[in-house]
Amino acid sequence: MDNTAKKFELHYYLKDKSHSMNAFVRNKAEKDFLEAIKRIGELLDSELKIETEAYQEGGLVEILTFSGFVIDRTLSYLSPALNNIVTHYATRNAQTEKLDIKIKQETLKSLKLDNVKKEIEIEKQIDEKLNDKLVQKYISNFYKKIDSYEKVEKIGYRSLENNEDEYLVERKDFKNFILHDDTTTLKDDDAIIEIISPVLKEGKYNWRGKYKNEKIDFSMADSKFKQEVIEGKHTFLNGSSISCHLEIKIIFDEFGDEKNKNYRVLMVYGTRELDLGELKLREAGKKRKYQKRLNERQMHFFDEIEEDTK
């Protein structure tokens, strides 16, 4: 486990060499910036701790310290490039091709990969982590609020590790980061929902459950499963849960703030009647499990071929 703190500089360049900003504008904007960093931590399978140092002049400079990230989990191999990932999202529409290459290089050199195929797979996963819609939405909100404040001429981002270069985004480029779609849709194909209140009769009623320790209301779009429930083929007791493909639609208001979330179960793969009971797969779950095994065997087969050709 690596809890080494990493320092990151957020630098506002202001008109007339000023050293002050409107507190409401700054606090509202940086709330979104911190939410983006929090989401990046989730993508790295880590809970980041963020601290700030006293503001510095030179425009207006804020130093953020990231700590608490780990490198002993599957997705956390990106931790060595944490500061660069934050910079990627904040400057992605301006001069970041070299930065993206650097993120991949930093990540890959921290791993011991024995063939090209594995390296390609890791690069694919990195690309997915560098294209998260929710982080982009938070960054969009950040720039939207800063763009409405004429005093900021440009913003600089810099990792304070090894005296890294500063990446600048000019005011004219702020609009390139602002998203105009007010809805972001996420999907979790491995969702587990503990059932609190199932719907046992026909009609457009919402179920109630617990997802990632959060109580949610959700619609059931799996019509076959709904019919099975109505016919009494599934028993729901205290601690019952479903394994499913969950769609999460996040709606933002005109100010770019999160307004509400809508949850919809697209497919139920299996049910568990008790908290520690056995997961009973439905036909859809069996097909999914078979397809996963088939994909794993194909990857293993290609790995063996590569080993034989060395």
C-alpha atoms as a PDB file:
ATOM      1  CA  MET A   1       0.000   0.000   0.000  1.00  0.00           C
ATOM      2  CA  ASP A   2       1.260   3.459  -0.891  1.00  0.00           C
ATOM      3  CA  ASN A   3      -0.048   6.466   1.024  1.00  0.00           C
ATOM      4  CA  THR A   4       2.541   8.909  -0.292  1.00  0.00           C
ATOM      5  CA  ALA A   5       0.963  12.361  -0.566  1.00  0.00           C
ATOM      6  CA  LYS A   6       0.953  14.092  -3.939  1.00  0.00           C
ATOM      7  CA  LYS A   7       0.719  17.885  -4.267  1.00  0.00           C
ATOM      8  CA  PHE A   8      -1.178  19.614  -7.061  1.00  0.00           C
ATOM      9  CA  GLU A   9      -1.261  23.324  -7.961  1.00  0.00           C
ATOM     10  CA  LEU A  10      -4.372  25.125  -9.208  1.00  0.00           C
ATOM     11  CA  HIS A  11      -3.370  28.596 -10.447  1.00  0.00           C
ATOM     12  CA  TYR A  12      -5.850  31.352 -11.383  1.00  0.00           C
ATOM     13  CA  TYR A  13      -4.334  34.103 -13.552  1.00  0.00           C
ATOM     14  CA  LEU A  14      -6.343  37.282 -12.892  1.00  0.00           C
ATOM     15  CA  LYS A  15      -6.761  40.583 -14.693  1.00  0.00           C
ATOM     16  CA  ASP A  16      -4.684  43.583 -13.552  1.00  0.00           C
ATOM     17  CA  LYS A  17      -2.384  41.236 -11.604  1.00  0.00           C
ATOM     18  CA  SER A  18      -5.025  40.980  -8.886  1.00  0.00           C
ATOM     19  CA  HIS A  19      -4.683  38.533  -5.983  1.00  0.00           C
ATOM     20  CA  SER A  20      -8.346  38.166  -4.984  1.00  0.00           C
ATOM     21  CA  MET A  21     -11.481  36.459  -6.307  1.00  0.00           C
ATOM     22  CA  ASN A  22     -15.167  36.555  -5.489  1.00  0.00           C
ATOM     23  CA  ALA A  23     -15.504  33.965  -2.705  1.00  0.00           C
ATOM     24  CA  PHE A  24     -18.904  32.659  -3.853  1.00  0.00           C
ATOM     25  CA  VAL A  25     -17.705  32.100  -7.428  1.00  0.00           C
ATOM     26  CA  ARG A  26     -14.544  30.378  -6.298  1.00  0.00           C
ATOM     27  CA  ASN A  27     -16.159  28.168  -3.657  1.00  0.00           C
ATOM     28  CA  LYS A  28     -18.979  27.016  -5.960  1.00  0.00           C
ATOM     29  CA  ALA A  29     -16.562  26.319  -8.828  1.00  0.00           C
ATOM     30  CA  GLU A  30     -14.028  24.468  -6.706  1.00  0.00           C
ATOM     31  CA  LYS A  31     -16.768  22.307  -5.193  1.00  0.00           C
ATOM     32  CA  ASP A  32     -17.203  20.833  -8.691  1.00  0.00           C
ATOM     33  CA  PHE A  33     -13.434  20.541  -9.150  1.00  0.00           C
ATOM     34  CA  LEU A  34     -13.181  18.583  -5.883  1.00  0.00           C
ATOM     35  CA  GLU A  35     -16.118  16.382  -6.923  1.00  0.00           C
ATOM     36  CA  ALA A  36     -14.196  15.593 -10.122  1.00  0.00           C
ATOM     37  CA  ILE A  37     -11.145  14.558  -8.068  1.00  0.00           C
ATOM     38  CA  LYS A  38     -13.346  12.462  -5.775  1.00  0.00           C
ATOM     39  CA  ARG A  39     -14.772  10.679  -8.825  1.00  0.00           C
ATOM     40  CA  ILE A  40     -11.245  10.086 -10.169  1.00  0.00           C
ATOM     41  CA  GLY A  41     -10.451   8.422  -6.838  1.00  0.00           C
ATOM     42  CA  GLU A  42     -13.465   6.139  -7.329  1.00  0.00           C
ATOM     43  CA  LEU A  43     -12.215   5.242 -10.807  1.00  0.00           C
ATOM     44  CA  LEU A  44      -8.908   4.247  -9.210  1.00  0.00           C
ATOM     45  CA  ASP A  45     -10.806   2.175  -6.646  1.00  0.00           C
ATOM     46  CA  SER A  46      -9.499   4.474  -3.914  1.00  0.00           C
ATOM     47  CA  GLU A  47     -10.945   6.952  -1.439  1.00  0.00           C
ATOM     48  CA  LEU A  48      -8.794  10.069  -1.763  1.00  0.00           C
ATOM     49  CA  LYS A  49      -8.182  12.490   1.091  1.00  0.00           C
ATOM     50  CA  ILE A  50      -7.805  16.078  -0.100  1.00  0.00           C
ATOM     51  CA  GLU A  51      -6.269  18.896   1.932  1.00  0.00           C
ATOM     52  CA  THR A  52      -5.550  22.483   0.924  1.00  0.00           C
ATOM     53  CA  GLU A  53      -2.721  24.785   1.956  1.00  0.00           C
ATOM     54  CA  ALA A  54      -2.931  28.536   2.532  1.00  0.00           C
ATOM     55  CA  TYR A  55      -3.579  30.496  -0.662  1.00  0.00           C
ATOM     56  CA  GLN A  56      -0.578  32.027  -2.403  1.00  0.00           C
ATOM     57  CA  GLU A  57      -0.345  35.130  -4.582  1.00  0.00           C
ATOM     58  CA  GLY A  58       0.895  35.359  -8.166  1.00  0.00           C
ATOM     59  CA  GLY A  59      -2.596  35.655  -9.474  1.00  0.00           C
ATOM     60  CA  LEU A  60      -4.121  33.280  -6.981  1.00  0.00           C
ATOM     61  CA  VAL A  61      -2.562  29.880  -6.281  1.00  0.00           C
ATOM     62  CA  GLU A  62      -4.078  26.978  -4.371  1.00  0.00           C
ATOM     63  CA  ILE A  63      -2.109  23.863  -3.399  1.00  0.00           C
ATOM     64  CA  LEU A  64      -4.097  20.614  -3.039  1.00  0.00           C
ATOM     65  CA  THR A  65      -2.606  17.559  -1.351  1.00  0.00           C
ATOM     66  CA  PHE A  66      -3.932  14.116  -2.348  1.00  0.00           C
ATOM     67  CA  SER A  67      -3.385  11.181  -0.023  1.00  0.00           C
ATOM     68  CA  GLY A  68      -5.022   7.939   1.006  1.00  0.00           C
ATOM     69  CA  PHE A  69      -4.899   6.268  -2.411  1.00  0.00           C
ATOM     70  CA  VAL A  70      -3.826   2.640  -2.583  1.00  0.00           C
ATOM     71  CA  ILE A  71      -2.039   0.543  -5.193  1.00  0.00           C
ATOM     72  CA  ASP A  72      -2.948  -2.959  -4.088  1.00  0.00           C
ATOM     73  CA  ARG A  73      -6.247  -3.279  -5.964  1.00  0.00           C
ATOM     74  CA  THR A  74      -7.003  -4.121  -9.564  1.00  0.00           C
ATOM     75  CA  LEU A  75      -7.845  -0.644 -10.871  1.00  0.00           C
ATOM     76  CA  SER A  76      -5.396   1.248  -8.687  1.00  0.00           C
ATOM     77  CA  TYR A  77      -2.404   0.719 -10.982  1.00  0.00           C
ATOM     78  CA  LEU A  78      -3.149   4.226 -12.260  1.00  0.00           C
ATOM     79  CA  SER A  79      -2.156   5.748  -8.899  1.00  0.00           C
ATOM     80  CA  PRO A  80       1.396   6.634 -10.038  1.00  0.00           C
ATOM     81  CA  ALA A  81      -0.191   8.967 -12.612  1.00  0.00           C
ATOM     82  CA  LEU A  82      -2.815  10.513 -10.286  1.00  0.00           C
ATOM     83  CA  ASN A  83      -1.807  14.165 -10.699  1.00  0.00           C
ATOM     84  CA  ASN A  84      -1.494  13.760 -14.447  1.00  0.00           C
ATOM     85  CA  ILE A  85      -4.984  12.242 -14.632  1.00  0.00           C
ATOM     86  CA  VAL A  86      -6.427  15.293 -12.838  1.00  0.00           C
ATOM     87  CA  THR A  87      -4.542  17.530 -15.287  1.00  0.00           C
ATOM     88  CA  HIS A  88      -5.804  15.444 -18.208  1.00  0.00           C
ATOM     89  CA  TYR A  89      -9.437  16.133 -17.361  1.00  0.00           C
ATOM     90  CA  ALA A  90      -8.854  19.834 -16.634  1.00  0.00           C
ATOM     91  CA  THR A  91      -6.874  20.470 -19.858  1.00  0.00           C
ATOM     92  CA  ARG A  92      -7.994  17.655 -22.170  1.00  0.00           C
ATOM     93  CA  ASN A  93      -9.066  19.971 -25.012  1.00  0.00           C
ATOM     94  CA  ALA A  94      -5.766  21.830 -25.030  1.00  0.00           C
ATOM     95  CA  GLN A  95      -2.257  20.427 -25.652  1.00  0.00           C
ATOM     96  CA  THR A  96      -2.580  17.142 -23.691  1.00  0.00           C
ATOM     97  CA  GLU A  97      -1.470  14.535 -26.248  1.00  0.00           C
ATOM     98  CA  LYS A  98       1.965  14.352 -24.612  1.00  0.00           C
ATOM     99  CA  LEU A  99       0.314  14.196 -21.191  1.00  0.00           C
ATOM    100  CA  ASP A 100      -1.832  11.198 -22.169  1.00  0.00           C
ATOM    101  CA  ILE A 101       1.243   9.365 -23.440  1.00  0.00           C
ATOM    102  CA  LYS A 102       2.986  10.151 -20.164  1.00  0.00           C
ATOM    103  CA  ILE A 103       0.089   8.737 -18.118  1.00  0.00           C
ATOM    104  CA  LYS A 104       0.335   5.443 -20.004  1.00  0.00           C
ATOM    105  CA  GLN A 105       4.110   5.347 -19.687  1.00  0.00           C
ATOM    106  CA  GLU A 106       4.036   6.015 -15.933  1.00  0.00           C
ATOM    107  CA  THR A 107       1.390   3.353 -15.431  1.00  0.00           C
ATOM    108  CA  LEU A 108       2.945   0.665 -17.619  1.00  0.00           C
ATOM    109  CA  LYS A 109       6.428   1.053 -16.159  1.00  0.00           C
ATOM    110  CA  SER A 110       4.989   0.317 -12.697  1.00  0.00           C
ATOM    111  CA  LEU A 111       3.672  -3.043 -13.903  1.00  0.00           C
ATOM    112  CA  LYS A 112       5.454  -6.233 -14.844  1.00  0.00           C
ATOM    113  CA  LEU A 113       3.817  -7.245 -18.122  1.00  0.00           C
ATOM    114  CA  ASP A 114       5.015 -10.372 -19.910  1.00  0.00           C
ATOM    115  CA  ASN A 115       3.438  -9.830 -23.335  1.00  0.00           C
ATOM    116  CA  VAL A 116       2.161  -7.194 -25.739  1.00  0.00           C
ATOM    117  CA  LYS A 117      -1.478  -8.313 -25.510  1.00  0.00           C
ATOM    118  CA  LYS A 118      -1.615  -7.567 -21.784  1.00  0.00           C
ATOM    119  CA  GLU A 119      -0.092  -4.144 -22.410  1.00  0.00           C
ATOM    120  CA  ILE A 120      -2.782  -3.400 -25.017  1.00  0.00           C
ATOM    121  CA  GLU A 121      -5.492  -4.492 -22.576  1.00  0.00           C
ATOM    122  CA  ILE A 122      -4.103  -2.198 -19.869  1.00  0.00           C
ATOM    123  CA  GLU A 123      -3.914   0.717 -22.327  1.00  0.00           C
ATOM    124  CA  LYS A 124      -7.561   0.121 -23.234  1.00  0.00           C
ATOM    125  CA  GLN A 125      -8.545   0.261 -19.555  1.00  0.00           C
ATOM    126  CA  ILE A 126      -6.532   3.466 -19.101  1.00  0.00           C
ATOM    127  CA  ASP A 127      -8.361   5.063 -22.045  1.00  0.00           C
ATOM    128  CA  GLU A 128     -11.689   4.162 -20.413  1.00  0.00           C
ATOM    129  CA  LYS A 129     -10.614   5.773 -17.142  1.00  0.00           C
ATOM    130  CA  LEU A 130      -9.561   8.914 -19.051  1.00  0.00           C
ATOM    131  CA  ASN A 131     -12.980   9.232 -20.678  1.00  0.00           C
ATOM    132  CA  ASP A 132     -15.380   9.143 -17.718  1.00  0.00           C
ATOM    133  CA  LYS A 133     -18.526  11.145 -18.417  1.00  0.00           C
ATOM    134  CA  LEU A 134     -19.210  12.058 -14.805  1.00  0.00           C
ATOM    135  CA  VAL A 135     -15.729  13.562 -14.289  1.00  0.00           C
ATOM    136  CA  GLN A 136     -16.198  15.495 -17.539  1.00  0.00           C
ATOM    137  CA  LYS A 137     -19.528  16.812 -16.222  1.00  0.00           C
ATOM    138  CA  TYR A 138     -17.961  18.073 -12.983  1.00  0.00           C
ATOM    139  CA  ILE A 139     -15.136  19.730 -14.941  1.00  0.00           C
ATOM    140  CA  SER A 140     -17.774  21.268 -17.219  1.00  0.00           C
ATOM    141  CA  ASN A 141     -19.560  22.731 -14.186  1.00  0.00           C
ATOM    142  CA  PHE A 142     -16.255  24.112 -12.906  1.00  0.00           C
ATOM    143  CA  TYR A 143     -15.481  25.906 -16.177  1.00  0.00           C
ATOM    144  CA  LYS A 144     -19.083  27.113 -16.575  1.00  0.00           C
ATOM    145  CA  LYS A 145     -18.894  28.954 -13.253  1.00  0.00           C
ATOM    146  CA  ILE A 146     -15.392  30.331 -13.884  1.00  0.00           C
ATOM    147  CA  ASP A 147     -16.353  31.394 -17.427  1.00  0.00           C
ATOM    148  CA  SER A 148     -19.080  33.656 -16.011  1.00  0.00           C
ATOM    149  CA  TYR A 149     -16.459  35.457 -13.901  1.00  0.00           C
ATOM    150  CA  GLU A 150     -14.597  37.841 -16.207  1.00  0.00           C
ATOM    151  CA  LYS A 151     -11.693  38.419 -13.825  1.00  0.00           C
ATOM    152  CA  VAL A 152     -10.048  35.048 -14.590  1.00  0.00           C
ATOM    153  CA  GLU A 153      -7.873  35.229 -17.722  1.00  0.00           C
ATOM    154  CA  LYS A 154      -6.525  31.678 -17.662  1.00  0.00           C
ATOM    155  CA  ILE A 155      -5.996  28.727 -15.329  1.00  0.00           C
ATOM    156  CA  GLY A 156      -2.815  26.745 -14.781  1.00  0.00           C
ATOM    157  CA  TYR A 157      -2.542  23.163 -13.560  1.00  0.00           C
ATOM    158  CA  ARG A 158       0.688  21.646 -12.320  1.00  0.00           C
ATOM    159  CA  SER A 159       1.855  18.597 -10.422  1.00  0.00           C
ATOM    160  CA  LEU A 160       4.422  19.611  -7.808  1.00  0.00           C
ATOM    161  CA  GLU A 161       6.120  16.227  -8.103  1.00  0.00           C
ATOM    162  CA  ASN A 162       9.551  16.491  -9.760  1.00  0.00           C
ATOM    163  CA  ASN A 163       9.010  20.135 -10.763  1.00  0.00           C
ATOM    164  CA  GLU A 164       6.513  19.257 -13.526  1.00  0.00           C
ATOM    165  CA  ASP A 165       5.532  21.677 -16.298  1.00  0.00           C
ATOM    166  CA  GLU A 166       2.409  23.816 -15.907  1.00  0.00           C
ATOM    167  CA  TYR A 167      -0.490  23.225 -18.303  1.00  0.00           C
ATOM    168  CA  LEU A 168      -2.476  26.364 -19.150  1.00  0.00           C
ATOM    169  CA  VAL A 169      -6.054  26.797 -20.329  1.00  0.00           C
ATOM    170  CA  GLU A 170      -6.835  30.249 -21.756  1.00  0.00           C
ATOM    171  CA  ARG A 171     -10.212  31.953 -21.199  1.00  0.00           C
ATOM    172  CA  LYS A 172     -11.110  31.537 -24.880  1.00  0.00           C
ATOM    173  CA  ASP A 173     -10.854  27.749 -24.398  1.00  0.00           C
ATOM    174  CA  PHE A 174     -13.083  27.515 -21.284  1.00  0.00           C
ATOM    175  CA  LYS A 175     -16.135  27.001 -23.516  1.00  0.00           C
ATOM    176  CA  ASN A 176     -14.536  23.867 -25.016  1.00  0.00           C
ATOM    177  CA  PHE A 177     -14.961  22.102 -21.675  1.00  0.00           C
ATOM    178  CA  ILE A 178     -18.571  23.134 -21.058  1.00  0.00           C
ATOM    179  CA  LEU A 179     -21.070  20.377 -21.780  1.00  0.00           C
ATOM    180  CA  HIS A 180     -24.561  21.364 -22.869  1.00  0.00           C
ATOM    181  CA  ASP A 181     -26.208  17.995 -22.317  1.00  0.00           C
ATOM    182  CA  ASP A 182     -28.015  18.207 -18.961  1.00  0.00           C
ATOM    183  CA  THR A 183     -28.156  14.445 -18.515  1.00  0.00           C
ATOM    184  CA  THR A 184     -25.365  11.950 -17.882  1.00  0.00           C
ATOM    185  CA  THR A 185     -26.075   8.216 -18.067  1.00  0.00           C
ATOM    186  CA  LEU A 186     -23.917   5.620 -16.300  1.00  0.00           C
ATOM    187  CA  LYS A 187     -24.288   1.832 -16.378  1.00  0.00           C
ATOM    188  CA  ASP A 188     -23.219  -0.773 -13.830  1.00  0.00           C
ATOM    189  CA  ASP A 189     -23.306  -4.301 -15.247  1.00  0.00           C
ATOM    190  CA  ASP A 190     -22.272  -5.837 -11.904  1.00  0.00           C
ATOM    191  CA  ALA A 191     -24.749  -4.059  -9.629  1.00  0.00           C
ATOM    192  CA  ILE A 192     -25.988  -5.680  -6.429  1.00  0.00           C
ATOM    193  CA  ILE A 193     -29.196  -4.184  -4.996  1.00  0.00           C
ATOM    194  CA  GLU A 194     -30.519  -5.231  -1.604  1.00  0.00           C
ATOM    195  CA  ILE A 195     -34.304  -5.284  -1.878  1.00  0.00           C
ATOM    196  CA  ILE A 196     -36.227  -3.235   0.682  1.00  0.00           C
ATOM    197  CA  SER A 197     -39.646  -3.072  -1.009  1.00  0.00           C
ATOM    198  CA  PRO A 198     -40.386  -5.196  -4.089  1.00  0.00           C
ATOM    199  CA  VAL A 199     -43.400  -4.562  -6.342  1.00  0.00           C
ATOM    200  CA  LEU A 200     -45.634  -7.625  -6.222  1.00  0.00           C
ATOM    201  CA  LYS A 201     -48.414  -6.518  -8.575  1.00  0.00           C
ATOM    202  CA  GLU A 202     -48.784  -5.124 -12.083  1.00  0.00           C
ATOM    203  CA  GLY A 203     -48.396  -1.414 -12.707  1.00  0.00           C
ATOM    204  CA  LYS A 204     -45.760   1.273 -13.066  1.00  0.00           C
ATOM    205  CA  TYR A 205     -44.565   1.277  -9.467  1.00  0.00           C
ATOM    206  CA  ASN A 206     -41.007   1.822  -8.290  1.00  0.00           C
ATOM    207  CA  TRP A 207     -39.096  -0.723  -6.257  1.00  0.00           C
ATOM    208  CA  ARG A 208     -37.044   0.365  -3.262  1.00  0.00           C
ATOM    209  CA  GLY A 209     -33.597  -0.978  -2.438  1.00  0.00           C
ATOM    210  CA  LYS A 210     -30.104  -0.259  -1.206  1.00  0.00           C
ATOM    211  CA  TYR A 211     -27.266   0.225  -3.726  1.00  0.00           C
ATOM    212  CA  LYS A 212     -23.718   0.937  -2.515  1.00  0.00           C
ATOM    213  CA  ASN A 213     -25.108   1.771   0.954  1.00  0.00           C
ATOM    214  CA  GLU A 214     -27.539   4.311  -0.529  1.00  0.00           C
ATOM    215  CA  LYS A 215     -31.314   3.877  -0.442  1.00  0.00           C
ATOM    216  CA  ILE A 216     -32.749   4.207  -3.941  1.00  0.00           C
ATOM    217  CA  ASP A 217     -36.056   3.981  -5.752  1.00  0.00           C
ATOM    218  CA  PHE A 218     -35.750   2.223  -9.095  1.00  0.00           C
ATOM    219  CA  SER A 219     -37.917   1.073 -11.970  1.00  0.00           C
ATOM    220  CA  MET A 220     -37.837  -2.536 -13.147  1.00  0.00           C
ATOM    221  CA  ALA A 221     -37.372  -2.676 -16.936  1.00  0.00           C
ATOM    222  CA  ASP A 222     -36.838  -6.456 -17.030  1.00  0.00           C
ATOM    223  CA  SER A 223     -40.399  -7.443 -17.992  1.00  0.00           C
ATOM    224  CA  LYS A 224     -39.761 -11.208 -17.687  1.00  0.00           C
ATOM    225  CA  PHE A 225     -38.479 -10.817 -14.133  1.00  0.00           C
ATOM    226  CA  LYS A 226     -41.454  -8.585 -13.240  1.00  0.00           C
ATOM    227  CA  GLN A 227     -43.808 -11.298 -14.441  1.00  0.00           C
ATOM    228  CA  GLU A 228     -41.918 -13.968 -12.479  1.00  0.00           C
ATOM    229  CA  VAL A 229     -42.306 -11.858  -9.320  1.00  0.00           C
ATOM    230  CA  ILE A 230     -46.043 -11.369  -9.924  1.00  0.00           C
ATOM    231  CA  GLU A 231     -46.383 -15.147 -10.381  1.00  0.00           C
ATOM    232  CA  GLY A 232     -44.665 -15.696  -7.022  1.00  0.00           C
ATOM    233  CA  LYS A 233     -41.536 -17.376  -8.400  1.00  0.00           C
ATOM    234  CA  HIS A 234     -39.189 -15.278  -6.222  1.00  0.00           C
ATOM    235  CA  THR A 235     -39.207 -14.877  -2.436  1.00  0.00           C
ATOM    236  CA  PHE A 236     -38.008 -11.635  -0.861  1.00  0.00           C
ATOM    237  CA  LEU A 237     -36.910 -11.836   2.762  1.00  0.00           C
ATOM    238  CA  ASN A 238     -34.830  -9.547   4.966  1.00  0.00           C
ATOM    239  CA  GLY A 239     -31.434  -9.299   3.204  1.00  0.00           C
ATOM    240  CA  SER A 240     -32.677 -10.443  -0.219  1.00  0.00           C
ATOM    241  CA  SER A 241     -30.817  -8.961  -3.178  1.00  0.00           C
ATOM    242  CA  ILE A 242     -30.615  -9.046  -6.956  1.00  0.00           C
ATOM    243  CA  SER A 243     -27.603  -9.121  -9.272  1.00  0.00           C
ATOM    244  CA  CYS A 244     -28.395  -6.918 -12.241  1.00  0.00           C
ATOM    245  CA  HIS A 245     -27.478  -4.470 -15.003  1.00  0.00           C
ATOM    246  CA  LEU A 246     -28.318  -1.045 -13.564  1.00  0.00           C
ATOM    247  CA  GLU A 247     -28.717   2.220 -15.504  1.00  0.00           C
ATOM    248  CA  ILE A 248     -28.187   5.464 -13.566  1.00  0.00           C
ATOM    249  CA  LYS A 249     -29.387   8.686 -15.169  1.00  0.00           C
ATOM    250  CA  ILE A 250     -28.053  11.818 -13.459  1.00  0.00           C
ATOM    251  CA  ILE A 251     -29.960  15.023 -14.202  1.00  0.00           C
ATOM    252  CA  PHE A 252     -28.338  18.449 -13.759  1.00  0.00           C
ATOM    253  CA  ASP A 253     -30.167  21.763 -13.402  1.00  0.00           C
ATOM    254  CA  GLU A 254     -29.466  24.944 -15.391  1.00  0.00           C
ATOM    255  CA  PHE A 255     -26.677  25.879 -12.964  1.00  0.00           C
ATOM    256  CA  GLY A 256     -24.826  22.615 -13.582  1.00  0.00           C
ATOM    257  CA  ASP A 257     -25.617  21.219 -10.127  1.00  0.00           C
ATOM    258  CA  GLU A 258     -26.872  17.673  -9.644  1.00  0.00           C
ATOM    259  CA  LYS A 259     -30.675  17.750  -9.429  1.00  0.00           C
ATOM    260  CA  ASN A 260     -31.661  14.113  -9.087  1.00  0.00           C
ATOM    261  CA  LYS A 261     -30.841  10.557 -10.093  1.00  0.00           C
ATOM    262  CA  ASN A 262     -33.071   8.024 -11.784  1.00  0.00           C
ATOM    263  CA  TYR A 263     -32.291   4.326 -11.427  1.00  0.00           C
ATOM    264  CA  ARG A 264     -33.524   1.623 -13.809  1.00  0.00           C
ATOM    265  CA  VAL A 265     -32.764  -2.108 -13.740  1.00  0.00           C
ATOM    266  CA  LEU A 266     -32.342  -3.231 -17.346  1.00  0.00           C
ATOM    267  CA  MET A 267     -31.716  -6.927 -16.673  1.00  0.00           C
ATOM    268  CA  VAL A 268     -31.807  -9.148 -13.584  1.00  0.00           C
ATOM    269  CA  TYR A 269     -29.106 -11.829 -13.694  1.00  0.00           C
ATOM    270  CA  GLY A 270     -29.887 -13.578 -10.439  1.00  0.00           C
ATOM    271  CA  THR A 271     -31.431 -13.398  -6.966  1.00  0.00           C
ATOM    272  CA  ARG A 272     -30.212 -14.079  -3.435  1.00  0.00           C
ATOM    273  CA  GLU A 273     -32.946 -14.758  -0.882  1.00  0.00           C
ATOM    274  CA  LEU A 274     -30.775 -14.237   2.225  1.00  0.00           C
ATOM    275  CA  ASP A 275     -27.833 -11.961   2.940  1.00  0.00           C
ATOM    276  CA  LEU A 276     -25.354 -14.849   2.896  1.00  0.00           C
ATOM    277  CA  GLY A 277     -27.381 -17.174   0.704  1.00  0.00           C
ATOM    278  CA  GLU A 278     -26.509 -18.619  -2.683  1.00  0.00           C
ATOM    279  CA  LEU A 279     -26.936 -16.492  -5.785  1.00  0.00           C
ATOM    280  CA  LYS A 280     -29.499 -18.194  -8.016  1.00  0.00           C
ATOM    281  CA  LEU A 281     -28.833 -17.312 -11.640  1.00  0.00           C
ATOM    282  CA  ARG A 282     -31.652 -16.770 -14.082  1.00  0.00           C
ATOM    283  CA  GLU A 283     -31.259 -17.750 -17.739  1.00  0.00           C
ATOM    284  CA  ALA A 284     -29.847 -14.296 -18.569  1.00  0.00           C
ATOM    285  CA  GLY A 285     -27.307 -14.676 -15.761  1.00  0.00           C
ATOM    286  CA  LYS A 286     -26.252 -18.119 -16.956  1.00  0.00           C
ATOM    287  CA  LYS A 287     -25.703 -16.827 -20.508  1.00  0.00           C
ATOM    288  CA  ARG A 288     -23.682 -13.892 -19.163  1.00  0.00           C
ATOM    289  CA  LYS A 289     -21.552 -16.195 -16.978  1.00  0.00           C
ATOM    290  CA  TYR A 290     -20.927 -18.507 -19.950  1.00  0.00           C
ATOM    291  CA  GLN A 291     -19.925 -15.579 -22.172  1.00  0.00           C
ATOM    292  CA  LYS A 292     -17.508 -14.281 -19.522  1.00  0.00           C
ATOM    293  CA  ARG A 293     -15.847 -17.700 -19.245  1.00  0.00           C
ATOM    294  CA  LEU A 294     -15.625 -17.933 -23.033  1.00  0.00           C
ATOM    295  CA  ASN A 295     -13.940 -14.509 -23.216  1.00  0.00           C
ATOM    296  CA  GLU A 296     -11.473 -15.485 -20.460  1.00  0.00           C
ATOM    297  CA  ARG A 297     -10.581 -18.714 -22.274  1.00  0.00           C
ATOM    298  CA  GLN A 298     -10.015 -16.836 -25.527  1.00  0.00           C
ATOM    299  CA  MET A 299      -7.694 -14.362 -23.776  1.00  0.00           C
ATOM    300  CA  HIS A 300      -5.815 -17.251 -22.143  1.00  0.00           C
ATOM    301  CA  PHE A 301      -5.562 -19.008 -25.529  1.00  0.00           C
ATOM    302  CA  PHE A 302      -4.073 -15.910 -27.181  1.00  0.00           C
ATOM    303  CA  ASP A 303      -1.641 -15.478 -24.278  1.00  0.00           C
ATOM    304  CA  GLU A 304      -0.419 -19.057 -24.784  1.00  0.00           C
ATOM    305  CA  ILE A 305       0.034 -18.456 -28.519  1.00  0.00           C
ATOM    306  CA  GLU A 306       2.129 -15.351 -27.798  1.00  0.00           C
ATOM    307  CA  GLU A 307       4.235 -17.287 -25.292  1.00  0.00           C
ATOM    308  CA  ASP A 308       4.851 -20.054 -27.869  1.00  0.00           C
ATOM    309  CA  THR A 309       5.956 -17.561 -30.538  1.00  0.00           C
ATOM    310  CA  LYS A 310       8.593 -15.953 -28.309  1.00  0.00           C
END
